PDB file of N, CA and C in Angstrom:
ATOM      1  N   MET A   1      94.248 124.123 122.245  1.00  0.00           N
ATOM      2  CA  MET A   1      94.804 122.815 122.175  1.00  0.00           C
ATOM      3  C   MET A   1      94.726 122.686 120.921  1.00  0.00           C
ATOM      4  N   GLN A   2      95.790 122.159 120.237  1.00  0.00           N
ATOM      5  CA  GLN A   2      96.184 121.818 118.862  1.00  0.00           C
ATOM      6  C   GLN A   2      95.627 120.108 118.552  1.00  0.00           C
ATOM      7  N   LYS A   3      94.999 119.978 117.645  1.00  0.00           N
ATOM      8  CA  LYS A   3      94.447 118.328 117.506  1.00  0.00           C
ATOM      9  C   LYS A   3      95.645 117.916 116.784  1.00  0.00           C
ATOM     10  N   MET A   4      95.837 116.661 117.085  1.00  0.00           N
ATOM     11  CA  MET A   4      97.146 115.695 116.550  1.00  0.00           C
ATOM     12  C   MET A   4      96.322 115.310 115.105  1.00  0.00           C
ATOM     13  N   ALA A   5      97.286 115.227 113.975  1.00  0.00           N
ATOM     14  CA  ALA A   5      96.650 114.911 112.846  1.00  0.00           C
ATOM     15  C   ALA A   5      96.907 113.021 112.970  1.00  0.00           C
ATOM     16  N   GLU A   6      96.150 112.509 112.271  1.00  0.00           N
ATOM     17  CA  GLU A   6      96.058 111.187 112.054  1.00  0.00           C
ATOM     18  C   GLU A   6      97.306 110.635 111.553  1.00  0.00           C
ATOM     19  N   ASN A   7      98.008 109.501 112.016  1.00  0.00           N
ATOM     20  CA  ASN A   7      99.093 109.416 111.430  1.00  0.00           C
ATOM     21  C   ASN A   7      98.680 108.306 110.072  1.00  0.00           C
ATOM     22  N   LYS A   8      99.319 108.686 108.881  1.00  0.00           N
ATOM     23  CA  LYS A   8      98.770 108.079 107.525  1.00  0.00           C
ATOM     24  C   LYS A   8     100.392 107.258 106.950  1.00  0.00           C
ATOM     25  N   THR A   9     101.036 107.256 107.765  1.00  0.00           N
ATOM     26  CA  THR A   9     102.366 106.713 107.149  1.00  0.00           C
ATOM     27  C   THR A   9     102.477 105.538 106.500  1.00  0.00           C
ATOM     28  N   LYS A  10     101.647 104.586 106.855  1.00  0.00           N
ATOM     29  CA  LYS A  10     101.552 103.242 106.345  1.00  0.00           C
ATOM     30  C   LYS A  10     100.909 103.066 104.838  1.00  0.00           C
ATOM     31  N   GLN A  11      99.956 104.267 105.004  1.00  0.00           N
ATOM     32  CA  GLN A  11      99.178 104.526 103.685  1.00  0.00           C
ATOM     33  C   GLN A  11      99.846 105.203 102.329  1.00  0.00           C
ATOM     34  N   ILE A  12     100.977 105.716 102.750  1.00  0.00           N
ATOM     35  CA  ILE A  12     101.767 106.573 101.586  1.00  0.00           C
ATOM     36  C   ILE A  12     102.345 105.552 100.425  1.00  0.00           C
ATOM     37  N   SER A  13     101.940 105.499  99.276  1.00  0.00           N
ATOM     38  CA  SER A  13     102.257 104.883  98.393  1.00  0.00           C
ATOM     39  C   SER A  13     103.939 105.416  97.412  1.00  0.00           C
ATOM     40  N   ASP A  14     103.943 106.640  97.719  1.00  0.00           N
ATOM     41  CA  ASP A  14     105.159 107.139  97.273  1.00  0.00           C
ATOM     42  C   ASP A  14     105.108 108.667  97.728  1.00  0.00           C
ATOM     43  N   TRP A  15     106.525 109.208  97.451  1.00  0.00           N
ATOM     44  CA  TRP A  15     106.507 110.540  98.083  1.00  0.00           C
ATOM     45  C   TRP A  15     107.714 111.276  97.279  1.00  0.00           C
ATOM     46  N   SER A  16     107.669 112.760  97.440  1.00  0.00           N
ATOM     47  CA  SER A  16     108.779 113.331  96.546  1.00  0.00           C
ATOM     48  C   SER A  16     109.045 114.515  97.403  1.00  0.00           C
ATOM     49  N   LEU A  17     110.348 115.099  96.986  1.00  0.00           N
ATOM     50  CA  LEU A  17     110.769 116.504  97.649  1.00  0.00           C
ATOM     51  C   LEU A  17     111.052 117.331  96.549  1.00  0.00           C
ATOM     52  N   TYR A  18     110.764 118.723  96.961  1.00  0.00           N
ATOM     53  CA  TYR A  18     111.076 119.704  95.912  1.00  0.00           C
ATOM     54  C   TYR A  18     111.404 120.987  96.442  1.00  0.00           C
ATOM     55  N   TYR A  19     112.038 121.785  95.965  1.00  0.00           N
ATOM     56  CA  TYR A  19     112.285 123.039  96.559  1.00  0.00           C
ATOM     57  C   TYR A  19     111.273 124.099  95.977  1.00  0.00           C
ATOM     58  N   ASP A  20     110.592 124.643  96.816  1.00  0.00           N
ATOM     59  CA  ASP A  20     109.528 125.919  96.314  1.00  0.00           C
ATOM     60  C   ASP A  20     110.086 127.377  96.320  1.00  0.00           C
ATOM     61  N   ASN A  21     110.704 127.601  95.237  1.00  0.00           N
ATOM     62  CA  ASN A  21     111.047 128.855  94.883  1.00  0.00           C
ATOM     63  C   ASN A  21     110.466 130.009  95.505  1.00  0.00           C
ATOM     64  N   GLN A  22     108.979 130.197  95.472  1.00  0.00           N
ATOM     65  CA  GLN A  22     108.237 131.025  95.886  1.00  0.00           C
ATOM     66  C   GLN A  22     108.219 131.069  97.468  1.00  0.00           C
ATOM     67  N   ASP A  23     108.199 130.153  98.097  1.00  0.00           N
ATOM     68  CA  ASP A  23     108.297 130.185  99.539  1.00  0.00           C
ATOM     69  C   ASP A  23     109.724 129.792  99.933  1.00  0.00           C
ATOM     70  N   GLN A  24     110.696 129.411  99.383  1.00  0.00           N
ATOM     71  CA  GLN A  24     112.074 129.504  99.305  1.00  0.00           C
ATOM     72  C   GLN A  24     112.194 128.350 100.744  1.00  0.00           C
ATOM     73  N   GLU A  25     111.545 127.167 100.546  1.00  0.00           N
ATOM     74  CA  GLU A  25     111.398 125.930 101.465  1.00  0.00           C
ATOM     75  C   GLU A  25     111.332 124.875 100.583  1.00  0.00           C
ATOM     76  N   LEU A  26     111.726 123.827 101.103  1.00  0.00           N
ATOM     77  CA  LEU A  26     111.774 122.406 100.841  1.00  0.00           C
ATOM     78  C   LEU A  26     110.416 122.049 101.124  1.00  0.00           C
ATOM     79  N   LYS A  27     109.810 121.248 100.318  1.00  0.00           N
ATOM     80  CA  LYS A  27     108.552 120.736 100.369  1.00  0.00           C
ATOM     81  C   LYS A  27     108.430 118.992 100.343  1.00  0.00           C
ATOM     82  N   LEU A  28     107.593 118.658 100.835  1.00  0.00           N
ATOM     83  CA  LEU A  28     107.267 117.067 100.798  1.00  0.00           C
ATOM     84  C   LEU A  28     106.081 116.970 100.259  1.00  0.00           C
ATOM     85  N   THR A  29     105.786 116.172  99.228  1.00  0.00           N
ATOM     86  CA  THR A  29     104.646 115.693  98.823  1.00  0.00           C
ATOM     87  C   THR A  29     104.519 114.058  99.034  1.00  0.00           C
ATOM     88  N   SER A  30     103.206 113.975  99.584  1.00  0.00           N
ATOM     89  CA  SER A  30     102.787 112.359  99.844  1.00  0.00           C
ATOM     90  C   SER A  30     101.870 111.757  99.030  1.00  0.00           C
ATOM     91  N   TYR A  31     101.860 110.951  98.209  1.00  0.00           N
ATOM     92  CA  TYR A  31     101.063 110.365  97.424  1.00  0.00           C
ATOM     93  C   TYR A  31     100.485 109.342  97.922  1.00  0.00           C
ATOM     94  N   PHE A  32      99.026 108.923  97.816  1.00  0.00           N
ATOM     95  CA  PHE A  32      98.348 108.056  98.378  1.00  0.00           C
ATOM     96  C   PHE A  32      97.838 107.000  97.011  1.00  0.00           C
ATOM     97  N   PRO A  33      97.355 105.764  97.373  1.00  0.00           N
ATOM     98  CA  PRO A  33      96.701 104.864  96.543  1.00  0.00           C
ATOM     99  C   PRO A  33      95.608 105.548  95.831  1.00  0.00           C
ATOM    100  N   SER A  34      94.826 106.443  96.618  1.00  0.00           N
ATOM    101  CA  SER A  34      93.290 106.782  96.069  1.00  0.00           C
ATOM    102  C   SER A  34      93.322 108.051  94.993  1.00  0.00           C
ATOM    103  N   GLY A  35      94.913 108.125  94.804  1.00  0.00           N
ATOM    104  CA  GLY A  35      95.207 109.386  93.943  1.00  0.00           C
ATOM    105  C   GLY A  35      95.453 110.711  94.601  1.00  0.00           C
ATOM    106  N   LYS A  36      95.097 110.927  95.803  1.00  0.00           N
ATOM    107  CA  LYS A  36      95.140 112.134  96.528  1.00  0.00           C
ATOM    108  C   LYS A  36      97.003 112.552  96.569  1.00  0.00           C
ATOM    109  N   LYS A  37      97.318 113.621  96.755  1.00  0.00           N
ATOM    110  CA  LYS A  37      98.390 114.216  97.246  1.00  0.00           C
ATOM    111  C   LYS A  37      98.231 115.094  98.300  1.00  0.00           C
ATOM    112  N   TYR A  38      99.062 115.237  99.093  1.00  0.00           N
ATOM    113  CA  TYR A  38      99.355 116.093  99.868  1.00  0.00           C
ATOM    114  C   TYR A  38     100.749 116.644 100.208  1.00  0.00           C
ATOM    115  N   THR A  39     101.022 118.190 100.144  1.00  0.00           N
ATOM    116  CA  THR A  39     102.156 118.615 100.266  1.00  0.00           C
ATOM    117  C   THR A  39     102.344 119.682 101.478  1.00  0.00           C
ATOM    118  N   GLN A  40     103.448 119.444 102.335  1.00  0.00           N
ATOM    119  CA  GLN A  40     103.704 120.459 103.356  1.00  0.00           C
ATOM    120  C   GLN A  40     105.271 120.838 103.384  1.00  0.00           C
ATOM    121  N   PRO A  41     105.118 121.763 104.059  1.00  0.00           N
ATOM    122  CA  PRO A  41     107.041 122.233 104.241  1.00  0.00           C
ATOM    123  C   PRO A  41     107.630 120.950 104.838  1.00  0.00           C
ATOM    124  N   LEU A  42     108.862 120.474 104.636  1.00  0.00           N
ATOM    125  CA  LEU A  42     109.597 119.579 105.352  1.00  0.00           C
ATOM    126  C   LEU A  42     109.740 119.915 106.618  1.00  0.00           C
ATOM    127  N   THR A  43     109.820 121.057 106.873  1.00  0.00           N
ATOM    128  CA  THR A  43     109.848 121.468 108.429  1.00  0.00           C
ATOM    129  C   THR A  43     108.942 121.153 109.243  1.00  0.00           C
ATOM    130  N   GLN A  44     107.566 120.849 108.589  1.00  0.00           N
ATOM    131  CA  GLN A  44     106.395 120.440 109.508  1.00  0.00           C
ATOM    132  C   GLN A  44     106.354 118.961 109.359  1.00  0.00           C
ATOM    133  N   CYS A  45     107.372 118.164 108.866  1.00  0.00           N
ATOM    134  CA  CYS A  45     107.269 116.575 108.449  1.00  0.00           C
ATOM    135  C   CYS A  45     108.465 115.975 109.651  1.00  0.00           C
ATOM    136  N   GLN A  46     108.114 115.030 109.871  1.00  0.00           N
ATOM    137  CA  GLN A  46     109.141 113.975 110.766  1.00  0.00           C
ATOM    138  C   GLN A  46     109.052 112.724 109.870  1.00  0.00           C
ATOM    139  N   VAL A  47     110.536 112.522 109.208  1.00  0.00           N
ATOM    140  CA  VAL A  47     110.818 111.393 108.166  1.00  0.00           C
ATOM    141  C   VAL A  47     111.969 110.509 109.124  1.00  0.00           C
ATOM    142  N   ASN A  48     111.483 109.328 109.275  1.00  0.00           N
ATOM    143  CA  ASN A  48     112.364 108.495 110.143  1.00  0.00           C
ATOM    144  C   ASN A  48     112.235 106.974 109.252  1.00  0.00           C
ATOM    145  N   PRO A  49     113.369 106.312 108.981  1.00  0.00           N
ATOM    146  CA  PRO A  49     114.493 106.632 109.467  1.00  0.00           C
ATOM    147  C   PRO A  49     115.315 107.820 108.811  1.00  0.00           C
ATOM    148  N   PHE A  50     116.187 108.212 108.899  1.00  0.00           N
ATOM    149  CA  PHE A  50     116.917 109.173 108.160  1.00  0.00           C
ATOM    150  C   PHE A  50     118.490 109.041 108.299  1.00  0.00           C
ATOM    151  N   GLU A  51     119.120 109.455 107.487  1.00  0.00           N
ATOM    152  CA  GLU A  51     120.632 109.341 107.627  1.00  0.00           C
ATOM    153  C   GLU A  51     121.192 110.615 106.997  1.00  0.00           C
ATOM    154  N   GLN A  52     121.787 111.646 107.918  1.00  0.00           N
ATOM    155  CA  GLN A  52     122.384 112.631 107.376  1.00  0.00           C
ATOM    156  C   GLN A  52     123.732 112.552 106.857  1.00  0.00           C
ATOM    157  N   ILE A  53     123.918 113.228 105.604  1.00  0.00           N
ATOM    158  CA  ILE A  53     125.065 113.180 104.969  1.00  0.00           C
ATOM    159  C   ILE A  53     125.581 114.549 104.666  1.00  0.00           C
TER     160      ILE A  53
END
């Protein structure tokens, strides 16, 4: 069974998206007030609300 990650959405102070040429995928980096940052493939993230354009 896979352990669910703790939802830290309300703690995020900023975020950014970029295309990783090496992995050939979009990545999302979340920044926290503590100075820590975490980067994951966008396919592993849930972004709400969103607007499809």
